[in-house]
Amino acid sequence: MGYSGHGAQISTLIGNVLADIAMDRKDTNPLDGMAWNAVPMHTGKPWFLPIVGAYYRMKDMLP
């Protein structure tokens, strides 16, 4: 997960949550117990990444 453009606002909260997890304080984690469902149709090996990488390599070689 990333901050999705909200880094300054949420980074202190996430820092506190990570510190609580590191200290084994599970009762303060607001994300504890939430189900993280998979994105539909995004399972298995990402077969398209080598194609995307080749495209951008080619694009980098062109002036």
PDB file of N, CA and C in Angstrom:
ATOM      1  N   MET A   1       0.842  -1.179   0.000  1.00  0.00           N
ATOM      2  CA  MET A   1       0.000   0.000   0.000  1.00  0.00           C
ATOM      3  C   MET A   1       0.882   1.236   0.000  1.00  0.00           C
ATOM      4  N   GLY A   2       0.425   2.246  -0.660  1.00  0.00           N
ATOM      5  CA  GLY A   2       1.126   3.516  -0.666  1.00  0.00           C
ATOM      6  C   GLY A   2       0.243   4.584  -0.039  1.00  0.00           C
ATOM      7  N   TYR A   3       0.777   5.768   0.053  1.00  0.00           N
ATOM      8  CA  TYR A   3       0.001   6.857   0.638  1.00  0.00           C
ATOM      9  C   TYR A   3      -0.973   7.465  -0.367  1.00  0.00           C
ATOM     10  N   SER A   4      -0.819   7.182  -1.642  1.00  0.00           N
ATOM     11  CA  SER A   4      -1.724   7.648  -2.698  1.00  0.00           C
ATOM     12  C   SER A   4      -1.862   9.171  -2.702  1.00  0.00           C
ATOM     13  N   GLY A   5      -0.753   9.870  -2.546  1.00  0.00           N
ATOM     14  CA  GLY A   5      -0.788  11.327  -2.593  1.00  0.00           C
ATOM     15  C   GLY A   5      -1.100  11.995  -1.273  1.00  0.00           C
ATOM     16  N   HIS A   6      -1.268  11.234  -0.213  1.00  0.00           N
ATOM     17  CA  HIS A   6      -1.603  11.800   1.099  1.00  0.00           C
ATOM     18  C   HIS A   6      -0.488  11.544   2.103  1.00  0.00           C
ATOM     19  N   GLY A   7       0.771  11.634   1.669  1.00  0.00           N
ATOM     20  CA  GLY A   7       1.905  11.257   2.499  1.00  0.00           C
ATOM     21  C   GLY A   7       2.074  12.086   3.749  1.00  0.00           C
ATOM     22  N   ALA A   8       1.982  13.401   3.624  1.00  0.00           N
ATOM     23  CA  ALA A   8       2.222  14.260   4.786  1.00  0.00           C
ATOM     24  C   ALA A   8       1.139  14.086   5.838  1.00  0.00           C
ATOM     25  N   GLN A   9      -0.077  13.860   5.416  1.00  0.00           N
ATOM     26  CA  GLN A   9      -1.181  13.747   6.367  1.00  0.00           C
ATOM     27  C   GLN A   9      -1.203  12.411   7.088  1.00  0.00           C
ATOM     28  N   ILE A  10      -0.874  11.346   6.381  1.00  0.00           N
ATOM     29  CA  ILE A  10      -1.058  10.023   6.972  1.00  0.00           C
ATOM     30  C   ILE A  10       0.240   9.369   7.431  1.00  0.00           C
ATOM     31  N   SER A  11       1.378   9.944   7.079  1.00  0.00           N
ATOM     32  CA  SER A  11       2.640   9.279   7.412  1.00  0.00           C
ATOM     33  C   SER A  11       2.865   9.181   8.917  1.00  0.00           C
ATOM     34  N   THR A  12       2.430  10.171   9.678  1.00  0.00           N
ATOM     35  CA  THR A  12       2.601  10.069  11.134  1.00  0.00           C
ATOM     36  C   THR A  12       1.714   8.982  11.723  1.00  0.00           C
ATOM     37  N   LEU A  13       0.506   8.834  11.209  1.00  0.00           N
ATOM     38  CA  LEU A  13      -0.380   7.765  11.687  1.00  0.00           C
ATOM     39  C   LEU A  13       0.211   6.404  11.358  1.00  0.00           C
ATOM     40  N   ILE A  14       0.668   6.226  10.131  1.00  0.00           N
ATOM     41  CA  ILE A  14       1.231   4.941   9.731  1.00  0.00           C
ATOM     42  C   ILE A  14       2.505   4.654  10.531  1.00  0.00           C
ATOM     43  N   GLY A  15       3.302   5.686  10.808  1.00  0.00           N
ATOM     44  CA  GLY A  15       4.495   5.497  11.633  1.00  0.00           C
ATOM     45  C   GLY A  15       4.138   5.002  13.023  1.00  0.00           C
ATOM     46  N   ASN A  16       3.112   5.591  13.608  1.00  0.00           N
ATOM     47  CA  ASN A  16       2.662   5.146  14.930  1.00  0.00           C
ATOM     48  C   ASN A  16       2.128   3.721  14.885  1.00  0.00           C
ATOM     49  N   VAL A  17       1.369   3.403  13.846  1.00  0.00           N
ATOM     50  CA  VAL A  17       0.828   2.047  13.713  1.00  0.00           C
ATOM     51  C   VAL A  17       1.958   1.030  13.559  1.00  0.00           C
ATOM     52  N   LEU A  18       2.946   1.342  12.734  1.00  0.00           N
ATOM     53  CA  LEU A  18       4.068   0.426  12.554  1.00  0.00           C
ATOM     54  C   LEU A  18       4.868   0.261  13.845  1.00  0.00           C
ATOM     55  N   ALA A  19       5.026   1.351  14.594  1.00  0.00           N
ATOM     56  CA  ALA A  19       5.726   1.250  15.879  1.00  0.00           C
ATOM     57  C   ALA A  19       4.948   0.372  16.848  1.00  0.00           C
ATOM     58  N   ASP A  20       3.629   0.514  16.869  1.00  0.00           N
ATOM     59  CA  ASP A  20       2.804  -0.330  17.734  1.00  0.00           C
ATOM     60  C   ASP A  20       2.906  -1.800  17.338  1.00  0.00           C
ATOM     61  N   ILE A  21       2.943  -2.060  16.023  1.00  0.00           N
ATOM     62  CA  ILE A  21       3.090  -3.442  15.558  1.00  0.00           C
ATOM     63  C   ILE A  21       4.456  -3.986  15.977  1.00  0.00           C
ATOM     64  N   ALA A  22       5.492  -3.161  15.844  1.00  0.00           N
ATOM     65  CA  ALA A  22       6.840  -3.602  16.222  1.00  0.00           C
ATOM     66  C   ALA A  22       6.937  -3.881  17.718  1.00  0.00           C
ATOM     67  N   MET A  23       6.189  -3.128  18.509  1.00  0.00           N
ATOM     68  CA  MET A  23       6.191  -3.329  19.955  1.00  0.00           C
ATOM     69  C   MET A  23       5.166  -4.377  20.401  1.00  0.00           C
ATOM     70  N   ASP A  24       4.524  -5.033  19.428  1.00  0.00           N
ATOM     71  CA  ASP A  24       3.537  -6.084  19.671  1.00  0.00           C
ATOM     72  C   ASP A  24       2.306  -5.568  20.416  1.00  0.00           C
ATOM     73  N   ARG A  25       1.936  -4.320  20.139  1.00  0.00           N
ATOM     74  CA  ARG A  25       0.700  -3.751  20.681  1.00  0.00           C
ATOM     75  C   ARG A  25      -0.369  -3.853  19.601  1.00  0.00           C
ATOM     76  N   LYS A  26      -1.107  -4.927  19.574  1.00  0.00           N
ATOM     77  CA  LYS A  26      -2.059  -5.186  18.497  1.00  0.00           C
ATOM     78  C   LYS A  26      -3.381  -4.462  18.673  1.00  0.00           C
ATOM     79  N   ASP A  27      -3.688  -4.001  19.870  1.00  0.00           N
ATOM     80  CA  ASP A  27      -4.988  -3.377  20.109  1.00  0.00           C
ATOM     81  C   ASP A  27      -5.078  -1.954  19.553  1.00  0.00           C
ATOM     82  N   THR A  28      -3.984  -1.358  19.139  1.00  0.00           N
ATOM     83  CA  THR A  28      -4.013   0.016  18.635  1.00  0.00           C
ATOM     84  C   THR A  28      -4.005   0.097  17.107  1.00  0.00           C
ATOM     85  N   ASN A  29      -3.919  -1.037  16.430  1.00  0.00           N
ATOM     86  CA  ASN A  29      -3.857  -1.053  14.978  1.00  0.00           C
ATOM     87  C   ASN A  29      -5.266  -0.898  14.393  1.00  0.00           C
ATOM     88  N   PRO A  30      -5.561   0.218  13.703  1.00  0.00           N
ATOM     89  CA  PRO A  30      -6.909   0.413  13.157  1.00  0.00           C
ATOM     90  C   PRO A  30      -7.213  -0.521  11.987  1.00  0.00           C
ATOM     91  N   LEU A  31      -6.190  -1.123  11.386  1.00  0.00           N
ATOM     92  CA  LEU A  31      -6.402  -2.015  10.252  1.00  0.00           C
ATOM     93  C   LEU A  31      -6.513  -3.477  10.661  1.00  0.00           C
ATOM     94  N   ASP A  32      -6.341  -3.754  11.958  1.00  0.00           N
ATOM     95  CA  ASP A  32      -6.371  -5.137  12.436  1.00  0.00           C
ATOM     96  C   ASP A  32      -7.768  -5.716  12.272  1.00  0.00           C
ATOM     97  N   GLY A  33      -7.834  -6.892  11.692  1.00  0.00           N
ATOM     98  CA  GLY A  33      -9.107  -7.564  11.521  1.00  0.00           C
ATOM     99  C   GLY A  33      -9.833  -7.236  10.230  1.00  0.00           C
ATOM    100  N   MET A  34      -9.306  -6.292   9.464  1.00  0.00           N
ATOM    101  CA  MET A  34      -9.953  -5.945   8.195  1.00  0.00           C
ATOM    102  C   MET A  34      -9.559  -6.962   7.130  1.00  0.00           C
ATOM    103  N   ALA A  35     -10.506  -7.346   6.334  1.00  0.00           N
ATOM    104  CA  ALA A  35     -10.237  -8.288   5.251  1.00  0.00           C
ATOM    105  C   ALA A  35      -9.719  -7.515   4.040  1.00  0.00           C
ATOM    106  N   TRP A  36      -8.623  -7.986   3.465  1.00  0.00           N
ATOM    107  CA  TRP A  36      -8.064  -7.377   2.260  1.00  0.00           C
ATOM    108  C   TRP A  36      -8.374  -8.314   1.104  1.00  0.00           C
ATOM    109  N   ASN A  37      -9.481  -8.059   0.450  1.00  0.00           N
ATOM    110  CA  ASN A  37      -9.903  -8.908  -0.651  1.00  0.00           C
ATOM    111  C   ASN A  37      -9.031  -8.665  -1.874  1.00  0.00           C
ATOM    112  N   ALA A  38      -8.826  -9.725  -2.632  1.00  0.00           N
ATOM    113  CA  ALA A  38      -8.045  -9.616  -3.860  1.00  0.00           C
ATOM    114  C   ALA A  38      -8.819  -8.807  -4.893  1.00  0.00           C
ATOM    115  N   VAL A  39      -8.086  -8.109  -5.737  1.00  0.00           N
ATOM    116  CA  VAL A  39      -8.711  -7.373  -6.830  1.00  0.00           C
ATOM    117  C   VAL A  39      -9.188  -8.402  -7.854  1.00  0.00           C
ATOM    118  N   PRO A  40     -10.438  -8.313  -8.307  1.00  0.00           N
ATOM    119  CA  PRO A  40     -10.929  -9.301  -9.271  1.00  0.00           C
ATOM    120  C   PRO A  40     -10.088  -9.322 -10.547  1.00  0.00           C
ATOM    121  N   MET A  41      -9.857 -10.501 -11.068  1.00  0.00           N
ATOM    122  CA  MET A  41      -9.116 -10.729 -12.305  1.00  0.00           C
ATOM    123  C   MET A  41      -7.614 -10.441 -12.165  1.00  0.00           C
ATOM    124  N   HIS A  42      -7.110 -10.222 -10.965  1.00  0.00           N
ATOM    125  CA  HIS A  42      -5.687  -9.958 -10.751  1.00  0.00           C
ATOM    126  C   HIS A  42      -5.077 -11.076  -9.924  1.00  0.00           C
ATOM    127  N   THR A  43      -5.127 -12.260 -10.451  1.00  0.00           N
ATOM    128  CA  THR A  43      -4.541 -13.399  -9.764  1.00  0.00           C
ATOM    129  C   THR A  43      -3.508 -14.049 -10.675  1.00  0.00           C
ATOM    130  N   GLY A  44      -2.626 -14.789 -10.088  1.00  0.00           N
ATOM    131  CA  GLY A  44      -1.611 -15.478 -10.872  1.00  0.00           C
ATOM    132  C   GLY A  44      -0.409 -14.598 -11.173  1.00  0.00           C
ATOM    133  N   LYS A  45       0.455 -15.121 -12.023  1.00  0.00           N
ATOM    134  CA  LYS A  45       1.684 -14.414 -12.386  1.00  0.00           C
ATOM    135  C   LYS A  45       1.370 -13.294 -13.383  1.00  0.00           C
ATOM    136  N   PRO A  46       1.917 -12.097 -13.170  1.00  0.00           N
ATOM    137  CA  PRO A  46       1.654 -10.991 -14.099  1.00  0.00           C
ATOM    138  C   PRO A  46       2.420 -11.183 -15.417  1.00  0.00           C
ATOM    139  N   TRP A  47       1.819 -11.860 -16.346  1.00  0.00           N
ATOM    140  CA  TRP A  47       2.441 -12.231 -17.612  1.00  0.00           C
ATOM    141  C   TRP A  47       2.796 -11.026 -18.471  1.00  0.00           C
ATOM    142  N   PHE A  48       2.138  -9.911 -18.253  1.00  0.00           N
ATOM    143  CA  PHE A  48       2.293  -8.734 -19.103  1.00  0.00           C
ATOM    144  C   PHE A  48       3.498  -7.877 -18.725  1.00  0.00           C
ATOM    145  N   LEU A  49       4.096  -8.095 -17.564  1.00  0.00           N
ATOM    146  CA  LEU A  49       5.198  -7.232 -17.135  1.00  0.00           C
ATOM    147  C   LEU A  49       6.431  -7.307 -18.030  1.00  0.00           C
ATOM    148  N   PRO A  50       6.839  -8.466 -18.532  1.00  0.00           N
ATOM    149  CA  PRO A  50       7.972  -8.463 -19.463  1.00  0.00           C
ATOM    150  C   PRO A  50       7.680  -7.656 -20.736  1.00  0.00           C
ATOM    151  N   ILE A  51       6.450  -7.688 -21.198  1.00  0.00           N
ATOM    152  CA  ILE A  51       6.076  -6.919 -22.389  1.00  0.00           C
ATOM    153  C   ILE A  51       6.154  -5.430 -22.098  1.00  0.00           C
ATOM    154  N   VAL A  52       5.645  -5.022 -20.954  1.00  0.00           N
ATOM    155  CA  VAL A  52       5.701  -3.606 -20.565  1.00  0.00           C
ATOM    156  C   VAL A  52       7.148  -3.169 -20.383  1.00  0.00           C
ATOM    157  N   GLY A  53       7.969  -4.017 -19.752  1.00  0.00           N
ATOM    158  CA  GLY A  53       9.384  -3.689 -19.571  1.00  0.00           C
ATOM    159  C   GLY A  53      10.105  -3.533 -20.899  1.00  0.00           C
ATOM    160  N   ALA A  54       9.811  -4.409 -21.852  1.00  0.00           N
ATOM    161  CA  ALA A  54      10.434  -4.314 -23.175  1.00  0.00           C
ATOM    162  C   ALA A  54      10.007  -3.032 -23.888  1.00  0.00           C
ATOM    163  N   TYR A  55       8.749  -2.671 -23.738  1.00  0.00           N
ATOM    164  CA  TYR A  55       8.252  -1.433 -24.346  1.00  0.00           C
ATOM    165  C   TYR A  55       9.014  -0.219 -23.807  1.00  0.00           C
ATOM    166  N   TYR A  56       9.158  -0.140 -22.489  1.00  0.00           N
ATOM    167  CA  TYR A  56       9.842   1.021 -21.911  1.00  0.00           C
ATOM    168  C   TYR A  56      11.353   0.995 -22.168  1.00  0.00           C
ATOM    169  N   ARG A  57      11.943  -0.194 -22.247  1.00  0.00           N
ATOM    170  CA  ARG A  57      13.367  -0.266 -22.650  1.00  0.00           C
ATOM    171  C   ARG A  57      13.552   0.294 -24.059  1.00  0.00           C
ATOM    172  N   MET A  58      12.657  -0.093 -24.952  1.00  0.00           N
ATOM    173  CA  MET A  58      12.712   0.388 -26.333  1.00  0.00           C
ATOM    174  C   MET A  58      12.488   1.905 -26.384  1.00  0.00           C
ATOM    175  N   LYS A  59      11.561   2.365 -25.578  1.00  0.00           N
ATOM    176  CA  LYS A  59      11.270   3.801 -25.540  1.00  0.00           C
ATOM    177  C   LYS A  59      12.471   4.595 -25.008  1.00  0.00           C
ATOM    178  N   ASP A  60      13.197   4.030 -24.050  1.00  0.00           N
ATOM    179  CA  ASP A  60      14.382   4.692 -23.503  1.00  0.00           C
ATOM    180  C   ASP A  60      15.512   4.774 -24.528  1.00  0.00           C
ATOM    181  N   MET A  61      15.587   3.794 -25.422  1.00  0.00           N
ATOM    182  CA  MET A  61      16.648   3.797 -26.438  1.00  0.00           C
ATOM    183  C   MET A  61      16.410   4.819 -27.545  1.00  0.00           C
ATOM    184  N   LEU A  62      15.168   5.144 -27.782  1.00  0.00           N
ATOM    185  CA  LEU A  62      14.844   6.107 -28.851  1.00  0.00           C
ATOM    186  C   LEU A  62      15.072   7.537 -28.355  1.00  0.00           C
ATOM    187  N   PRO A  63      15.520   8.418 -29.275  1.00  0.00           N
ATOM    188  CA  PRO A  63      15.779   9.808 -28.843  1.00  0.00           C
ATOM    189  C   PRO A  63      14.530  10.578 -28.529  1.00  0.00           C
TER     190      PRO A  63
END
